[in-house]
Each structure stands twice: as structure tokens, then as C-alpha cells.
C-alpha atoms as a PDB file:
ATOM      1  CA  MET A   1     -76.215 -75.166 -19.791  1.00  0.00           C
ATOM      2  CA  GLN A   2     -73.746 -72.699 -18.186  1.00  0.00           C
ATOM      3  CA  ASN A   3     -76.520 -70.114 -17.560  1.00  0.00           C
ATOM      4  CA  GLY A   4     -78.565 -72.719 -15.543  1.00  0.00           C
ATOM      5  CA  ASP A   5     -75.440 -73.706 -13.466  1.00  0.00           C
ATOM      6  CA  PHE A   6     -74.783 -69.964 -12.688  1.00  0.00           C
ATOM      7  CA  PHE A   7     -78.371 -69.363 -11.545  1.00  0.00           C
ATOM      8  CA  ALA A   8     -78.335 -72.610  -9.573  1.00  0.00           C
ATOM      9  CA  SER A   9     -75.224 -71.426  -7.753  1.00  0.00           C
ATOM     10  CA  LEU A  10     -76.763 -68.009  -6.987  1.00  0.00           C
ATOM     11  CA  LEU A  11     -79.979 -69.435  -5.668  1.00  0.00           C
ATOM     12  CA  PRO A  12     -78.882 -70.153  -2.080  1.00  0.00           C
ATOM     13  CA  LEU A  13     -77.281 -66.693  -1.941  1.00  0.00           C
ATOM     14  CA  ILE A  14     -80.572 -65.082  -3.015  1.00  0.00           C
ATOM     15  CA  VAL A  15     -82.559 -67.222  -0.481  1.00  0.00           C
ATOM     16  CA  LEU A  16     -80.166 -66.239   2.176  1.00  0.00           C
ATOM     17  CA  PHE A  17     -80.604 -62.669   1.471  1.00  0.00           C
ATOM     18  CA  ALA A  18     -84.416 -62.915   1.478  1.00  0.00           C
ATOM     19  CA  ILE A  19     -84.452 -64.589   4.884  1.00  0.00           C
ATOM     20  CA  PHE A  20     -82.065 -61.883   6.297  1.00  0.00           C
ATOM     21  CA  TYR A  21     -84.186 -59.225   4.854  1.00  0.00           C
ATOM     22  CA  PHE A  22     -87.503 -60.608   6.269  1.00  0.00           C
ATOM     23  CA  LEU A  23     -85.979 -61.499   9.837  1.00  0.00           C
ATOM     24  CA  VAL A  24     -83.667 -58.501  10.367  1.00  0.00           C
ATOM     25  CA  ILE A  25     -84.079 -55.444   8.069  1.00  0.00           C
ATOM     26  CA  ARG A  26     -87.756 -55.192   7.793  1.00  0.00           C
ATOM     27  CA  PRO A  27     -88.684 -55.670  11.425  1.00  0.00           C
ATOM     28  CA  GLN A  28     -85.969 -53.001  12.227  1.00  0.00           C
ATOM     29  CA  GLN A  29     -87.510 -50.428   9.749  1.00  0.00           C
ATOM     30  CA  LYS A  30     -90.922 -51.053  11.102  1.00  0.00           C
ATOM     31  CA  GLN A  31     -89.761 -50.463  14.636  1.00  0.00           C
ATOM     32  CA  GLN A  32     -88.042 -47.208  13.678  1.00  0.00           C
ATOM     33  CA  LYS A  33     -91.210 -45.943  11.964  1.00  0.00           C
ATOM     34  CA  GLN A  34     -93.259 -46.770  15.092  1.00  0.00           C
ATOM     35  CA  HIS A  35     -90.557 -44.909  17.186  1.00  0.00           C
ATOM     36  CA  ALA A  36     -90.621 -41.892  15.010  1.00  0.00           C
ATOM     37  CA  GLN A  37     -94.564 -41.834  15.104  1.00  0.00           C
ATOM     38  CA  MET A  38     -94.525 -42.142  18.966  1.00  0.00           C
ATOM     39  CA  ILE A  39     -92.068 -39.164  19.309  1.00  0.00           C
ATOM     40  CA  LYS A  40     -94.156 -37.118  16.983  1.00  0.00           C
ATOM     41  CA  ALA A  41     -97.301 -37.832  18.771  1.00  0.00           C
ATOM     42  CA  LEU A  42     -96.060 -36.779  22.294  1.00  0.00           C
ATOM     43  CA  GLU A  43     -98.468 -34.634  24.254  1.00  0.00           C
ATOM     44  CA  LYS A  44     -98.488 -32.670  27.544  1.00  0.00           C
ATOM     45  CA  GLY A  45     -98.776 -34.992  30.532  1.00  0.00           C
ATOM     46  CA  ASP A  46     -97.276 -38.153  28.688  1.00  0.00           C
ATOM     47  CA  LYS A  47     -94.645 -40.022  30.783  1.00  0.00           C
ATOM     48  CA  ILE A  48     -91.470 -40.945  28.876  1.00  0.00           C
ATOM     49  CA  ILE A  49     -88.099 -42.667  29.497  1.00  0.00           C
ATOM     50  CA  THR A  50     -85.065 -40.998  28.074  1.00  0.00           C
ATOM     51  CA  SER A  51     -82.209 -42.913  26.577  1.00  0.00           C
ATOM     52  CA  GLY A  52     -80.191 -42.072  29.691  1.00  0.00           C
ATOM     53  CA  GLY A  53     -82.749 -43.881  31.940  1.00  0.00           C
ATOM     54  CA  LEU A  54     -84.636 -40.784  33.298  1.00  0.00           C
ATOM     55  CA  ILE A  55     -88.530 -41.096  33.821  1.00  0.00           C
ATOM     56  CA  CYS A  56     -90.024 -37.691  33.154  1.00  0.00           C
ATOM     57  CA  GLU A  57     -93.243 -36.044  32.219  1.00  0.00           C
ATOM     58  CA  VAL A  58     -93.748 -33.893  29.064  1.00  0.00           C
ATOM     59  CA  VAL A  59     -94.736 -30.478  29.872  1.00  0.00           C
ATOM     60  CA  LYS A  60     -94.607 -28.861  26.384  1.00  0.00           C
ATOM     61  CA  PRO A  61     -93.647 -30.457  23.074  1.00  0.00           C
ATOM     62  CA  GLU A  62     -91.701 -28.069  20.768  1.00  0.00           C
ATOM     63  CA  ASP A  63     -90.204 -28.534  17.262  1.00  0.00           C
ATOM     64  CA  ASP A  64     -86.810 -30.055  18.010  1.00  0.00           C
ATOM     65  CA  PHE A  65     -86.997 -30.126  21.769  1.00  0.00           C
ATOM     66  CA  ILE A  66     -89.404 -31.283  24.549  1.00  0.00           C
ATOM     67  CA  LYS A  67     -89.763 -29.527  27.761  1.00  0.00           C
ATOM     68  CA  VAL A  68     -90.013 -32.197  30.470  1.00  0.00           C
ATOM     69  CA  LYS A  69     -90.475 -32.186  34.147  1.00  0.00           C
ATOM     70  CA  LEU A  70     -88.097 -34.372  36.245  1.00  0.00           C
ATOM     71  CA  ASN A  71     -89.787 -33.539  39.556  1.00  0.00           C
ATOM     72  CA  ASP A  72     -92.064 -30.669  40.869  1.00  0.00           C
ATOM     73  CA  ASP A  73     -89.161 -28.067  40.749  1.00  0.00           C
ATOM     74  CA  VAL A  74     -86.948 -29.049  37.751  1.00  0.00           C
ATOM     75  CA  ILE A  75     -88.022 -28.559  34.179  1.00  0.00           C
ATOM     76  CA  VAL A  76     -85.596 -29.078  31.338  1.00  0.00           C
ATOM     77  CA  ARG A  77     -85.374 -29.166  27.602  1.00  0.00           C
ATOM     78  CA  LEU A  78     -84.677 -32.486  25.963  1.00  0.00           C
ATOM     79  CA  SER A  79     -83.931 -33.263  22.290  1.00  0.00           C
ATOM     80  CA  ARG A  80     -86.554 -35.457  20.732  1.00  0.00           C
ATOM     81  CA  GLU A  81     -83.838 -37.908  19.606  1.00  0.00           C
ATOM     82  CA  PHE A  82     -83.166 -38.892  23.242  1.00  0.00           C
ATOM     83  CA  VAL A  83     -86.731 -40.181  24.009  1.00  0.00           C
ATOM     84  CA  ALA A  84     -86.389 -43.962  24.334  1.00  0.00           C
ATOM     85  CA  LYS A  85     -89.946 -44.772  24.882  1.00  0.00           C
ATOM     86  CA  LYS A  86     -93.387 -43.698  26.225  1.00  0.00           C
ATOM     87  CA  ILE A  87     -94.701 -45.243  29.398  1.00  0.00           C
ATOM     88  CA  GLU A  88     -98.335 -46.392  28.924  1.00  0.00           C
ATOM     89  CA  ALA A  89    -100.583 -45.862  31.865  1.00  0.00           C
END
């Protein structure tokens, strides 16, 4: 009988963990995967927003960095990890 009581006392904890997993952890992992794919797929001419809030245009994607154009005269290198999102036209 004690085995059944032990399982019954753990059941709410297991259910709570399952709810937490499906409502928090899984969607966050999915969002991280989509963000990584977006960064990997950046091409010349794409408009992006950096994590600092700058809106710029991709000039040349490189391995670890991306050359971006802030305006007609200024081209800088930006680390891929600072790309917040891509602006869809």
C-alpha cells in the first residue's frame, strides 16, 4: 500500500512539471531554433534589427560576423549573436 501512496503523492508534481515543460520550456526551445535558422539564412539585402535597436541592411554575411550598412556611407561588422530579428518586407 505504501507504494501506491508514494506514487499518488508524486502525481501532482509530475503533472505540474509536464505543464511547465509544454507551456514554457518547449516553446522557448522552438523559438531559439527558429532564431538560429533565421540568422544562418541571412543574405545580402536583408533588413535586420540589432539587439541594440539599430535598423540596418546586410551587405555581406560572413562566418562569425555580418557586414551591415547603417546608411549610405557607414558599413560596420556586426556579430551574428546581436541580430534580434529580420524585417520582412
